[in-house]
PDB file of N, CA and C in Angstrom:
ATOM      1  N   MET A   1     -26.181  26.117  -9.971  1.00  0.00           N
ATOM      2  CA  MET A   1     -25.381  25.013 -10.447  1.00  0.00           C
ATOM      3  C   MET A   1     -26.308  24.039 -11.166  1.00  0.00           C
ATOM      4  N   SER A   2     -25.916  23.592 -12.332  1.00  0.00           N
ATOM      5  CA  SER A   2     -26.761  22.692 -13.103  1.00  0.00           C
ATOM      6  C   SER A   2     -26.698  21.279 -12.537  1.00  0.00           C
ATOM      7  N   THR A   3     -27.668  20.471 -12.943  1.00  0.00           N
ATOM      8  CA  THR A   3     -27.728  19.073 -12.493  1.00  0.00           C
ATOM      9  C   THR A   3     -26.499  18.311 -12.958  1.00  0.00           C
ATOM     10  N   THR A   4     -26.021  18.582 -14.169  1.00  0.00           N
ATOM     11  CA  THR A   4     -24.838  17.904 -14.697  1.00  0.00           C
ATOM     12  C   THR A   4     -23.608  18.247 -13.870  1.00  0.00           C
ATOM     13  N   THR A   5     -23.467  19.514 -13.532  1.00  0.00           N
ATOM     14  CA  THR A   5     -22.332  19.943 -12.721  1.00  0.00           C
ATOM     15  C   THR A   5     -22.392  19.309 -11.344  1.00  0.00           C
ATOM     16  N   THR A   6     -23.573  19.288 -10.745  1.00  0.00           N
ATOM     17  CA  THR A   6     -23.750  18.689  -9.419  1.00  0.00           C
ATOM     18  C   THR A   6     -23.438  17.195  -9.464  1.00  0.00           C
ATOM     19  N   THR A   7     -23.930  16.496 -10.467  1.00  0.00           N
ATOM     20  CA  THR A   7     -23.674  15.059 -10.607  1.00  0.00           C
ATOM     21  C   THR A   7     -22.183  14.804 -10.775  1.00  0.00           C
ATOM     22  N   HIS A   8     -21.511  15.630 -11.570  1.00  0.00           N
ATOM     23  CA  HIS A   8     -20.069  15.483 -11.772  1.00  0.00           C
ATOM     24  C   HIS A   8     -19.305  15.738 -10.470  1.00  0.00           C
ATOM     25  N   ALA A   9     -19.721  16.743  -9.718  1.00  0.00           N
ATOM     26  CA  ALA A   9     -19.064  17.052  -8.441  1.00  0.00           C
ATOM     27  C   ALA A   9     -19.251  15.905  -7.449  1.00  0.00           C
ATOM     28  N   ILE A  10     -20.422  15.311  -7.408  1.00  0.00           N
ATOM     29  CA  ILE A  10     -20.690  14.182  -6.506  1.00  0.00           C
ATOM     30  C   ILE A  10     -19.846  12.980  -6.918  1.00  0.00           C
ATOM     31  N   ALA A  11     -19.761  12.717  -8.223  1.00  0.00           N
ATOM     32  CA  ALA A  11     -18.956  11.594  -8.711  1.00  0.00           C
ATOM     33  C   ALA A  11     -17.481  11.812  -8.370  1.00  0.00           C
ATOM     34  N   SER A  12     -16.991  13.032  -8.514  1.00  0.00           N
ATOM     35  CA  SER A  12     -15.600  13.330  -8.172  1.00  0.00           C
ATOM     36  C   SER A  12     -15.354  13.145  -6.682  1.00  0.00           C
ATOM     37  N   ALA A  13     -16.282  13.599  -5.856  1.00  0.00           N
ATOM     38  CA  ALA A  13     -16.148  13.444  -4.405  1.00  0.00           C
ATOM     39  C   ALA A  13     -16.153  11.966  -4.030  1.00  0.00           C
ATOM     40  N   ASP A  14     -17.013  11.188  -4.685  1.00  0.00           N
ATOM     41  CA  ASP A  14     -17.059   9.745  -4.422  1.00  0.00           C
ATOM     42  C   ASP A  14     -15.741   9.073  -4.800  1.00  0.00           C
ATOM     43  N   LYS A  15     -15.144   9.483  -5.919  1.00  0.00           N
ATOM     44  CA  LYS A  15     -13.862   8.915  -6.339  1.00  0.00           C
ATOM     45  C   LYS A  15     -12.771   9.259  -5.333  1.00  0.00           C
ATOM     46  N   LEU A  16     -12.763  10.500  -4.852  1.00  0.00           N
ATOM     47  CA  LEU A  16     -11.765  10.905  -3.859  1.00  0.00           C
ATOM     48  C   LEU A  16     -11.931  10.123  -2.564  1.00  0.00           C
ATOM     49  N   GLN A  17     -13.168   9.940  -2.122  1.00  0.00           N
ATOM     50  CA  GLN A  17     -13.413   9.158  -0.906  1.00  0.00           C
ATOM     51  C   GLN A  17     -12.969   7.715  -1.099  1.00  0.00           C
ATOM     52  N   SER A  18     -13.215   7.175  -2.274  1.00  0.00           N
ATOM     53  CA  SER A  18     -12.799   5.807  -2.565  1.00  0.00           C
ATOM     54  C   SER A  18     -11.276   5.695  -2.512  1.00  0.00           C
ATOM     55  N   LEU A  19     -10.577   6.661  -3.107  1.00  0.00           N
ATOM     56  CA  LEU A  19      -9.112   6.653  -3.079  1.00  0.00           C
ATOM     57  C   LEU A  19      -8.600   6.767  -1.648  1.00  0.00           C
ATOM     58  N   GLU A  20      -9.224   7.614  -0.845  1.00  0.00           N
ATOM     59  CA  GLU A  20      -8.812   7.772   0.555  1.00  0.00           C
ATOM     60  C   GLU A  20      -8.999   6.469   1.326  1.00  0.00           C
ATOM     61  N   ARG A  21     -10.128   5.801   1.125  1.00  0.00           N
ATOM     62  CA  ARG A  21     -10.372   4.512   1.795  1.00  0.00           C
ATOM     63  C   ARG A  21      -9.332   3.483   1.375  1.00  0.00           C
ATOM     64  N   GLN A  22      -9.005   3.468   0.091  1.00  0.00           N
ATOM     65  CA  GLN A  22      -8.020   2.507  -0.407  1.00  0.00           C
ATOM     66  C   GLN A  22      -6.637   2.797   0.165  1.00  0.00           C
ATOM     67  N   LEU A  23      -6.273   4.071   0.273  1.00  0.00           N
ATOM     68  CA  LEU A  23      -4.980   4.424   0.870  1.00  0.00           C
ATOM     69  C   LEU A  23      -4.910   3.971   2.324  1.00  0.00           C
ATOM     70  N   ILE A  24      -5.986   4.155   3.057  1.00  0.00           N
ATOM     71  CA  ILE A  24      -6.035   3.719   4.461  1.00  0.00           C
ATOM     72  C   ILE A  24      -5.898   2.205   4.535  1.00  0.00           C
ATOM     73  N   GLU A  25      -6.565   1.504   3.634  1.00  0.00           N
ATOM     74  CA  GLU A  25      -6.479   0.043   3.615  1.00  0.00           C
ATOM     75  C   GLU A  25      -5.054  -0.419   3.321  1.00  0.00           C
ATOM     76  N   VAL A  26      -4.396   0.219   2.361  1.00  0.00           N
ATOM     77  CA  VAL A  26      -3.009  -0.135   2.035  1.00  0.00           C
ATOM     78  C   VAL A  26      -2.109   0.174   3.223  1.00  0.00           C
ATOM     79  N   ARG A  27      -2.292   1.352   3.838  1.00  0.00           N
ATOM     80  CA  ARG A  27      -1.467   1.714   4.995  1.00  0.00           C
ATOM     81  C   ARG A  27      -1.642   0.706   6.119  1.00  0.00           C
ATOM     82  N   ASP A  28      -2.880   0.317   6.403  1.00  0.00           N
ATOM     83  CA  ASP A  28      -3.132  -0.666   7.453  1.00  0.00           C
ATOM     84  C   ASP A  28      -2.482  -2.013   7.125  1.00  0.00           C
ATOM     85  N   HIS A  29      -2.572  -2.410   5.866  1.00  0.00           N
ATOM     86  CA  HIS A  29      -1.948  -3.669   5.434  1.00  0.00           C
ATOM     87  C   HIS A  29      -0.438  -3.601   5.629  1.00  0.00           C
ATOM     88  N   LEU A  30       0.170  -2.491   5.201  1.00  0.00           N
ATOM     89  CA  LEU A  30       1.620  -2.352   5.309  1.00  0.00           C
ATOM     90  C   LEU A  30       2.062  -2.267   6.764  1.00  0.00           C
ATOM     91  N   CYS A  31       1.271  -1.635   7.605  1.00  0.00           N
ATOM     92  CA  CYS A  31       1.602  -1.589   9.040  1.00  0.00           C
ATOM     93  C   CYS A  31       1.593  -2.995   9.635  1.00  0.00           C
ATOM     94  N   ALA A  32       0.614  -3.803   9.247  1.00  0.00           N
ATOM     95  CA  ALA A  32       0.559  -5.189   9.721  1.00  0.00           C
ATOM     96  C   ALA A  32       1.771  -5.982   9.217  1.00  0.00           C
ATOM     97  N   MET A  33       2.149  -5.754   7.963  1.00  0.00           N
ATOM     98  CA  MET A  33       3.324  -6.436   7.408  1.00  0.00           C
ATOM     99  C   MET A  33       4.598  -5.997   8.136  1.00  0.00           C
ATOM    100  N   LYS A  34       4.707  -4.719   8.455  1.00  0.00           N
ATOM    101  CA  LYS A  34       5.873  -4.216   9.181  1.00  0.00           C
ATOM    102  C   LYS A  34       5.949  -4.846  10.566  1.00  0.00           C
ATOM    103  N   HIS A  35       4.797  -4.980  11.206  1.00  0.00           N
ATOM    104  CA  HIS A  35       4.758  -5.618  12.525  1.00  0.00           C
ATOM    105  C   HIS A  35       5.248  -7.062  12.420  1.00  0.00           C
ATOM    106  N   ARG A  36       4.803  -7.773  11.388  1.00  0.00           N
ATOM    107  CA  ARG A  36       5.258  -9.154  11.166  1.00  0.00           C
ATOM    108  C   ARG A  36       6.753  -9.213  10.948  1.00  0.00           C
ATOM    109  N   LEU A  37       7.271  -8.299  10.114  1.00  0.00           N
ATOM    110  CA  LEU A  37       8.713  -8.275   9.854  1.00  0.00           C
ATOM    111  C   LEU A  37       9.493  -7.939  11.120  1.00  0.00           C
ATOM    112  N   ASP A  38       8.998  -6.979  11.893  1.00  0.00           N
ATOM    113  CA  ASP A  38       9.672  -6.620  13.142  1.00  0.00           C
ATOM    114  C   ASP A  38       9.759  -7.825  14.076  1.00  0.00           C
ATOM    115  N   GLU A  39       8.666  -8.585  14.174  1.00  0.00           N
ATOM    116  CA  GLU A  39       8.663  -9.787  15.021  1.00  0.00           C
ATOM    117  C   GLU A  39       9.640 -10.835  14.491  1.00  0.00           C
ATOM    118  N   GLU A  40       9.630 -11.027  13.178  1.00  0.00           N
ATOM    119  CA  GLU A  40      10.512 -12.028  12.582  1.00  0.00           C
ATOM    120  C   GLU A  40      11.977 -11.657  12.797  1.00  0.00           C
ATOM    121  N   ILE A  41      12.295 -10.368  12.659  1.00  0.00           N
ATOM    122  CA  ILE A  41      13.668  -9.907  12.883  1.00  0.00           C
ATOM    123  C   ILE A  41      14.034 -10.057  14.357  1.00  0.00           C
ATOM    124  N   ARG A  42      13.115  -9.679  15.238  1.00  0.00           N
ATOM    125  CA  ARG A  42      13.379  -9.776  16.679  1.00  0.00           C
ATOM    126  C   ARG A  42      13.594 -11.227  17.117  1.00  0.00           C
ATOM    127  N   ASP A  43      12.840 -12.150  16.535  1.00  0.00           N
ATOM    128  CA  ASP A  43      12.906 -13.554  16.933  1.00  0.00           C
ATOM    129  C   ASP A  43      13.934 -14.363  16.137  1.00  0.00           C
ATOM    130  N   TYR A  44      14.672 -13.705  15.259  1.00  0.00           N
ATOM    131  CA  TYR A  44      15.644 -14.410  14.427  1.00  0.00           C
ATOM    132  C   TYR A  44      16.719 -15.033  15.333  1.00  0.00           C
ATOM    133  N   PRO A  45      17.059 -16.291  15.078  1.00  0.00           N
ATOM    134  CA  PRO A  45      18.062 -16.951  15.936  1.00  0.00           C
ATOM    135  C   PRO A  45      19.431 -16.253  15.875  1.00  0.00           C
ATOM    136  N   THR A  46      20.025 -16.139  17.028  1.00  0.00           N
ATOM    137  CA  THR A  46      21.349 -15.505  17.118  1.00  0.00           C
ATOM    138  C   THR A  46      22.398 -16.583  17.364  1.00  0.00           C
ATOM    139  N   PRO A  47      23.629 -16.361  17.121  1.00  0.00           N
ATOM    140  CA  PRO A  47      24.218 -15.151  16.528  1.00  0.00           C
ATOM    141  C   PRO A  47      23.918 -15.091  15.035  1.00  0.00           C
ATOM    142  N   ILE A  48      23.874 -13.864  14.503  1.00  0.00           N
ATOM    143  CA  ILE A  48      23.551 -13.657  13.094  1.00  0.00           C
ATOM    144  C   ILE A  48      24.817 -13.229  12.359  1.00  0.00           C
ATOM    145  N   PRO A  49      25.291 -14.063  11.440  1.00  0.00           N
ATOM    146  CA  PRO A  49      26.469 -13.651  10.667  1.00  0.00           C
ATOM    147  C   PRO A  49      26.102 -12.528   9.689  1.00  0.00           C
ATOM    148  N   ARG A  50      27.067 -11.677   9.392  1.00  0.00           N
ATOM    149  CA  ARG A  50      26.821 -10.555   8.482  1.00  0.00           C
ATOM    150  C   ARG A  50      26.374 -11.009   7.100  1.00  0.00           C
ATOM    151  N   CYS A  51      26.765 -12.199   6.700  1.00  0.00           N
ATOM    152  CA  CYS A  51      26.461 -12.675   5.353  1.00  0.00           C
ATOM    153  C   CYS A  51      25.160 -13.489   5.295  1.00  0.00           C
ATOM    154  N   ASP A  52      24.357 -13.453   6.344  1.00  0.00           N
ATOM    155  CA  ASP A  52      23.101 -14.209   6.379  1.00  0.00           C
ATOM    156  C   ASP A  52      22.106 -13.572   5.401  1.00  0.00           C
ATOM    157  N   ALA A  53      21.940 -14.218   4.245  1.00  0.00           N
ATOM    158  CA  ALA A  53      21.114 -13.668   3.168  1.00  0.00           C
ATOM    159  C   ALA A  53      19.656 -13.508   3.587  1.00  0.00           C
ATOM    160  N   GLN A  54      19.108 -14.472   4.318  1.00  0.00           N
ATOM    161  CA  GLN A  54      17.703 -14.397   4.720  1.00  0.00           C
ATOM    162  C   GLN A  54      17.489 -13.220   5.676  1.00  0.00           C
ATOM    163  N   PHE A  55      18.370 -13.055   6.640  1.00  0.00           N
ATOM    164  CA  PHE A  55      18.251 -11.953   7.592  1.00  0.00           C
ATOM    165  C   PHE A  55      18.396 -10.610   6.879  1.00  0.00           C
ATOM    166  N   ASN A  56      19.371 -10.509   5.983  1.00  0.00           N
ATOM    167  CA  ASN A  56      19.566  -9.271   5.225  1.00  0.00           C
ATOM    168  C   ASN A  56      18.350  -8.956   4.362  1.00  0.00           C
ATOM    169  N   HIS A  57      17.718  -9.998   3.818  1.00  0.00           N
ATOM    170  CA  HIS A  57      16.498  -9.803   3.020  1.00  0.00           C
ATOM    171  C   HIS A  57      15.377  -9.236   3.890  1.00  0.00           C
ATOM    172  N   LEU A  58      15.253  -9.732   5.112  1.00  0.00           N
ATOM    173  CA  LEU A  58      14.235  -9.204   6.019  1.00  0.00           C
ATOM    174  C   LEU A  58      14.453  -7.713   6.271  1.00  0.00           C
ATOM    175  N   PHE A  59      15.693  -7.314   6.487  1.00  0.00           N
ATOM    176  CA  PHE A  59      16.013  -5.902   6.702  1.00  0.00           C
ATOM    177  C   PHE A  59      15.687  -5.066   5.464  1.00  0.00           C
ATOM    178  N   GLU A  60      16.004  -5.585   4.278  1.00  0.00           N
ATOM    179  CA  GLU A  60      15.693  -4.866   3.040  1.00  0.00           C
ATOM    180  C   GLU A  60      14.187  -4.713   2.862  1.00  0.00           C
ATOM    181  N   GLN A  61      13.441  -5.773   3.160  1.00  0.00           N
ATOM    182  CA  GLN A  61      11.979  -5.710   3.063  1.00  0.00           C
ATOM    183  C   GLN A  61      11.429  -4.657   4.018  1.00  0.00           C
ATOM    184  N   ARG A  62      11.949  -4.624   5.231  1.00  0.00           N
ATOM    185  CA  ARG A  62      11.464  -3.654   6.217  1.00  0.00           C
ATOM    186  C   ARG A  62      11.791  -2.228   5.775  1.00  0.00           C
ATOM    187  N   ALA A  63      12.964  -2.021   5.217  1.00  0.00           N
ATOM    188  CA  ALA A  63      13.334  -0.685   4.726  1.00  0.00           C
ATOM    189  C   ALA A  63      12.404  -0.261   3.584  1.00  0.00           C
ATOM    190  N   ARG A  64      12.099  -1.185   2.705  1.00  0.00           N
ATOM    191  CA  ARG A  64      11.178  -0.904   1.587  1.00  0.00           C
ATOM    192  C   ARG A  64       9.785  -0.564   2.111  1.00  0.00           C
ATOM    193  N   LEU A  65       9.341  -1.331   3.093  1.00  0.00           N
ATOM    194  CA  LEU A  65       8.043  -1.060   3.726  1.00  0.00           C
ATOM    195  C   LEU A  65       8.033   0.314   4.374  1.00  0.00           C
ATOM    196  N   ASN A  66       9.091   0.635   5.103  1.00  0.00           N
ATOM    197  CA  ASN A  66       9.169   1.931   5.771  1.00  0.00           C
ATOM    198  C   ASN A  66       9.111   3.082   4.766  1.00  0.00           C
ATOM    199  N   ARG A  67       9.789   2.933   3.637  1.00  0.00           N
ATOM    200  CA  ARG A  67       9.757   3.991   2.610  1.00  0.00           C
ATOM    201  C   ARG A  67       8.343   4.204   2.098  1.00  0.00           C
ATOM    202  N   MET A  68       7.628   3.110   1.835  1.00  0.00           N
ATOM    203  CA  MET A  68       6.260   3.241   1.328  1.00  0.00           C
ATOM    204  C   MET A  68       5.346   3.826   2.404  1.00  0.00           C
ATOM    205  N   LEU A  69       5.519   3.398   3.641  1.00  0.00           N
ATOM    206  CA  LEU A  69       4.700   3.945   4.728  1.00  0.00           C
ATOM    207  C   LEU A  69       4.940   5.438   4.905  1.00  0.00           C
ATOM    208  N   GLU A  70       6.174   5.879   4.774  1.00  0.00           N
ATOM    209  CA  GLU A  70       6.473   7.312   4.864  1.00  0.00           C
ATOM    210  C   GLU A  70       5.755   8.084   3.764  1.00  0.00           C
ATOM    211  N   ARG A  71       5.727   7.529   2.580  1.00  0.00           N
ATOM    212  CA  ARG A  71       5.027   8.190   1.464  1.00  0.00           C
ATOM    213  C   ARG A  71       3.534   8.235   1.718  1.00  0.00           C
ATOM    214  N   LEU A  72       2.998   7.200   2.358  1.00  0.00           N
ATOM    215  CA  LEU A  72       1.560   7.166   2.637  1.00  0.00           C
ATOM    216  C   LEU A  72       1.170   8.113   3.768  1.00  0.00           C
ATOM    217  N   GLU A  73       2.123   8.479   4.614  1.00  0.00           N
ATOM    218  CA  GLU A  73       1.829   9.390   5.720  1.00  0.00           C
ATOM    219  C   GLU A  73       1.600  10.818   5.231  1.00  0.00           C
ATOM    220  N   ALA A  74       2.240  11.202   4.134  1.00  0.00           N
ATOM    221  CA  ALA A  74       2.051  12.540   3.584  1.00  0.00           C
ATOM    222  C   ALA A  74       0.650  12.628   2.969  1.00  0.00           C
ATOM    223  N   PRO A  75      -0.014  13.757   3.135  1.00  0.00           N
ATOM    224  CA  PRO A  75      -1.354  13.891   2.560  1.00  0.00           C
ATOM    225  C   PRO A  75      -1.312  13.713   1.038  1.00  0.00           C
ATOM    226  N   ALA A  76      -2.191  12.883   0.541  1.00  0.00           N
ATOM    227  CA  ALA A  76      -2.264  12.636  -0.904  1.00  0.00           C
ATOM    228  C   ALA A  76      -3.710  12.784  -1.350  1.00  0.00           C
ATOM    229  N   ILE A  77      -3.914  13.606  -2.349  1.00  0.00           N
ATOM    230  CA  ILE A  77      -5.256  13.791  -2.882  1.00  0.00           C
ATOM    231  C   ILE A  77      -5.223  13.643  -4.393  1.00  0.00           C
ATOM    232  N   GLY A  78      -6.336  13.214  -4.921  1.00  0.00           N
ATOM    233  CA  GLY A  78      -6.491  13.131  -6.364  1.00  0.00           C
ATOM    234  C   GLY A  78      -5.437  12.290  -7.041  1.00  0.00           C
ATOM    235  N   ALA A  79      -4.709  12.913  -7.961  1.00  0.00           N
ATOM    236  CA  ALA A  79      -3.721  12.201  -8.777  1.00  0.00           C
ATOM    237  C   ALA A  79      -2.618  11.595  -7.919  1.00  0.00           C
ATOM    238  N   ASP A  80      -2.221  12.274  -6.841  1.00  0.00           N
ATOM    239  CA  ASP A  80      -1.183  11.733  -5.957  1.00  0.00           C
ATOM    240  C   ASP A  80      -1.645  10.435  -5.304  1.00  0.00           C
ATOM    241  N   ALA A  81      -2.870  10.421  -4.824  1.00  0.00           N
ATOM    242  CA  ALA A  81      -3.420   9.218  -4.192  1.00  0.00           C
ATOM    243  C   ALA A  81      -3.504   8.083  -5.206  1.00  0.00           C
ATOM    244  N   PHE A  82      -3.992   8.414  -6.389  1.00  0.00           N
ATOM    245  CA  PHE A  82      -4.101   7.407  -7.443  1.00  0.00           C
ATOM    246  C   PHE A  82      -2.723   6.830  -7.760  1.00  0.00           C
ATOM    247  N   GLU A  83      -1.712   7.695  -7.867  1.00  0.00           N
ATOM    248  CA  GLU A  83      -0.351   7.268  -8.183  1.00  0.00           C
ATOM    249  C   GLU A  83       0.227   6.368  -7.089  1.00  0.00           C
ATOM    250  N   LEU A  84       0.013   6.730  -5.819  1.00  0.00           N
ATOM    251  CA  LEU A  84       0.500   5.901  -4.714  1.00  0.00           C
ATOM    252  C   LEU A  84      -0.139   4.518  -4.729  1.00  0.00           C
ATOM    253  N   LEU A  85      -1.436   4.478  -4.957  1.00  0.00           N
ATOM    254  CA  LEU A  85      -2.126   3.191  -5.004  1.00  0.00           C
ATOM    255  C   LEU A  85      -1.639   2.359  -6.188  1.00  0.00           C
ATOM    256  N   HIS A  86      -1.487   3.012  -7.320  1.00  0.00           N
ATOM    257  CA  HIS A  86      -0.990   2.295  -8.497  1.00  0.00           C
ATOM    258  C   HIS A  86       0.417   1.752  -8.238  1.00  0.00           C
ATOM    259  N   GLU A  87       1.243   2.542  -7.583  1.00  0.00           N
ATOM    260  CA  GLU A  87       2.614   2.102  -7.258  1.00  0.00           C
ATOM    261  C   GLU A  87       2.575   0.863  -6.360  1.00  0.00           C
ATOM    262  N   PHE A  88       1.689   0.859  -5.362  1.00  0.00           N
ATOM    263  CA  PHE A  88       1.570  -0.307  -4.478  1.00  0.00           C
ATOM    264  C   PHE A  88       1.149  -1.536  -5.276  1.00  0.00           C
ATOM    265  N   VAL A  89       0.133  -1.385  -6.103  1.00  0.00           N
ATOM    266  CA  VAL A  89      -0.386  -2.522  -6.869  1.00  0.00           C
ATOM    267  C   VAL A  89       0.682  -3.072  -7.815  1.00  0.00           C
ATOM    268  N   ALA A  90       1.480  -2.188  -8.412  1.00  0.00           N
ATOM    269  CA  ALA A  90       2.480  -2.607  -9.392  1.00  0.00           C
ATOM    270  C   ALA A  90       3.776  -3.108  -8.758  1.00  0.00           C
ATOM    271  N   SER A  91       4.002  -2.782  -7.481  1.00  0.00           N
ATOM    272  CA  SER A  91       5.264  -3.181  -6.842  1.00  0.00           C
ATOM    273  C   SER A  91       5.262  -4.673  -6.530  1.00  0.00           C
ATOM    274  N   SER A  92       6.452  -5.189  -6.271  1.00  0.00           N
ATOM    275  CA  SER A  92       6.546  -6.601  -5.914  1.00  0.00           C
ATOM    276  C   SER A  92       5.970  -6.798  -4.510  1.00  0.00           C
ATOM    277  N   ALA A  93       5.463  -7.988  -4.269  1.00  0.00           N
ATOM    278  CA  ALA A  93       4.795  -8.297  -3.007  1.00  0.00           C
ATOM    279  C   ALA A  93       5.786  -8.263  -1.847  1.00  0.00           C
ATOM    280  N   TYR A  94       5.285  -7.870  -0.699  1.00  0.00           N
ATOM    281  CA  TYR A  94       6.103  -7.877   0.511  1.00  0.00           C
ATOM    282  C   TYR A  94       6.162  -9.291   1.081  1.00  0.00           C
ATOM    283  N   PHE A  95       5.058  -9.992   0.992  1.00  0.00           N
ATOM    284  CA  PHE A  95       4.984 -11.390   1.414  1.00  0.00           C
ATOM    285  C   PHE A  95       4.271 -12.175   0.332  1.00  0.00           C
ATOM    286  N   ASP A  96       4.681 -13.394   0.156  1.00  0.00           N
ATOM    287  CA  ASP A  96       4.049 -14.259  -0.833  1.00  0.00           C
ATOM    288  C   ASP A  96       2.887 -14.967  -0.152  1.00  0.00           C
ATOM    289  N   GLU A  97       1.763 -14.259  -0.092  1.00  0.00           N
ATOM    290  CA  GLU A  97       0.604 -14.831   0.580  1.00  0.00           C
ATOM    291  C   GLU A  97      -0.659 -14.451  -0.188  1.00  0.00           C
ATOM    292  N   PRO A  98      -1.673 -15.304  -0.114  1.00  0.00           N
ATOM    293  CA  PRO A  98      -2.913 -15.070  -0.861  1.00  0.00           C
ATOM    294  C   PRO A  98      -3.623 -13.759  -0.483  1.00  0.00           C
ATOM    295  N   ALA A  99      -3.586 -13.372   0.795  1.00  0.00           N
ATOM    296  CA  ALA A  99      -4.290 -12.156   1.223  1.00  0.00           C
ATOM    297  C   ALA A  99      -3.705 -10.921   0.550  1.00  0.00           C
ATOM    298  N   GLU A 100      -2.387 -10.847   0.461  1.00  0.00           N
ATOM    299  CA  GLU A 100      -1.768  -9.686  -0.188  1.00  0.00           C
ATOM    300  C   GLU A 100      -2.047  -9.703  -1.691  1.00  0.00           C
ATOM    301  N   ALA A 101      -1.972 -10.871  -2.293  1.00  0.00           N
ATOM    302  CA  ALA A 101      -2.269 -10.975  -3.726  1.00  0.00           C
ATOM    303  C   ALA A 101      -3.705 -10.557  -4.013  1.00  0.00           C
ATOM    304  N   ALA A 102      -4.631 -10.963  -3.146  1.00  0.00           N
ATOM    305  CA  ALA A 102      -6.039 -10.599  -3.321  1.00  0.00           C
ATOM    306  C   ALA A 102      -6.236  -9.087  -3.174  1.00  0.00           C
ATOM    307  N   LEU A 103      -5.567  -8.484  -2.192  1.00  0.00           N
ATOM    308  CA  LEU A 103      -5.660  -7.035  -1.997  1.00  0.00           C
ATOM    309  C   LEU A 103      -5.150  -6.307  -3.241  1.00  0.00           C
ATOM    310  N   ARG A 104      -4.008  -6.716  -3.740  1.00  0.00           N
ATOM    311  CA  ARG A 104      -3.440  -6.070  -4.930  1.00  0.00           C
ATOM    312  C   ARG A 104      -4.371  -6.228  -6.141  1.00  0.00           C
ATOM    313  N   ALA A 105      -4.924  -7.423  -6.326  1.00  0.00           N
ATOM    314  CA  ALA A 105      -5.817  -7.668  -7.461  1.00  0.00           C
ATOM    315  C   ALA A 105      -7.081  -6.815  -7.353  1.00  0.00           C
ATOM    316  N   ARG A 106      -7.678  -6.778  -6.163  1.00  0.00           N
ATOM    317  CA  ARG A 106      -8.906  -5.996  -5.970  1.00  0.00           C
ATOM    318  C   ARG A 106      -8.646  -4.511  -6.175  1.00  0.00           C
ATOM    319  N   LEU A 107      -7.556  -4.003  -5.580  1.00  0.00           N
ATOM    320  CA  LEU A 107      -7.243  -2.584  -5.747  1.00  0.00           C
ATOM    321  C   LEU A 107      -6.946  -2.253  -7.208  1.00  0.00           C
ATOM    322  N   GLY A 108      -6.256  -3.140  -7.895  1.00  0.00           N
ATOM    323  CA  GLY A 108      -5.977  -2.917  -9.315  1.00  0.00           C
ATOM    324  C   GLY A 108      -7.261  -2.799 -10.118  1.00  0.00           C
ATOM    325  N   SER A 109      -8.221  -3.668  -9.820  1.00  0.00           N
ATOM    326  CA  SER A 109      -9.508  -3.618 -10.495  1.00  0.00           C
ATOM    327  C   SER A 109     -10.269  -2.335 -10.163  1.00  0.00           C
ATOM    328  N   GLU A 110     -10.265  -1.970  -8.869  1.00  0.00           N
ATOM    329  CA  GLU A 110     -10.966  -0.745  -8.453  1.00  0.00           C
ATOM    330  C   GLU A 110     -10.313   0.490  -9.058  1.00  0.00           C
ATOM    331  N   LEU A 111      -8.989   0.505  -9.138  1.00  0.00           N
ATOM    332  CA  LEU A 111      -8.302   1.660  -9.713  1.00  0.00           C
ATOM    333  C   LEU A 111      -8.635   1.831 -11.196  1.00  0.00           C
ATOM    334  N   SER A 112      -8.815   0.727 -11.886  1.00  0.00           N
ATOM    335  CA  SER A 112      -9.156   0.837 -13.307  1.00  0.00           C
ATOM    336  C   SER A 112     -10.529   1.467 -13.476  1.00  0.00           C
ATOM    337  N   HIS A 113     -11.423   1.276 -12.509  1.00  0.00           N
ATOM    338  CA  HIS A 113     -12.762   1.893 -12.558  1.00  0.00           C
ATOM    339  C   HIS A 113     -12.718   3.356 -12.132  1.00  0.00           C
ATOM    340  N   VAL A 114     -11.894   3.666 -11.129  1.00  0.00           N
ATOM    341  CA  VAL A 114     -11.792   5.039 -10.621  1.00  0.00           C
ATOM    342  C   VAL A 114     -11.158   5.933 -11.667  1.00  0.00           C
ATOM    343  N   GLY A 115     -10.189   5.410 -12.397  1.00  0.00           N
ATOM    344  CA  GLY A 115      -9.476   6.203 -13.389  1.00  0.00           C
ATOM    345  C   GLY A 115     -10.349   6.632 -14.560  1.00  0.00           C
ATOM    346  N   ARG A 116     -11.512   6.049 -14.685  1.00  0.00           N
ATOM    347  CA  ARG A 116     -12.405   6.373 -15.810  1.00  0.00           C
ATOM    348  C   ARG A 116     -13.153   7.652 -15.581  1.00  0.00           C
TER     349      ARG A 116
END
């Protein structure tokens, strides 16, 4: 195997490891967000009318989170991992908080480097 081939293989392996780490980070973030939503729903004052927009929004957010978490549970390699991460970065925020915005910004920047 030539030095160029070996260097390319190492760079590809490094990119895959980076994508895997980023997927784990996103999954951990989403699990924490789901836990927060579960607590907020559990602690919501009762009785809850069917037309309670805030409560219904919490349920919609949790369903959206669950869908993304299910997608992250399936093994993703290479282009699939890149696509999942890109989808997370491009999607609307689950919570309007600086930590989530920072995660999305950092991952977006890292993905632009990995894609090269």
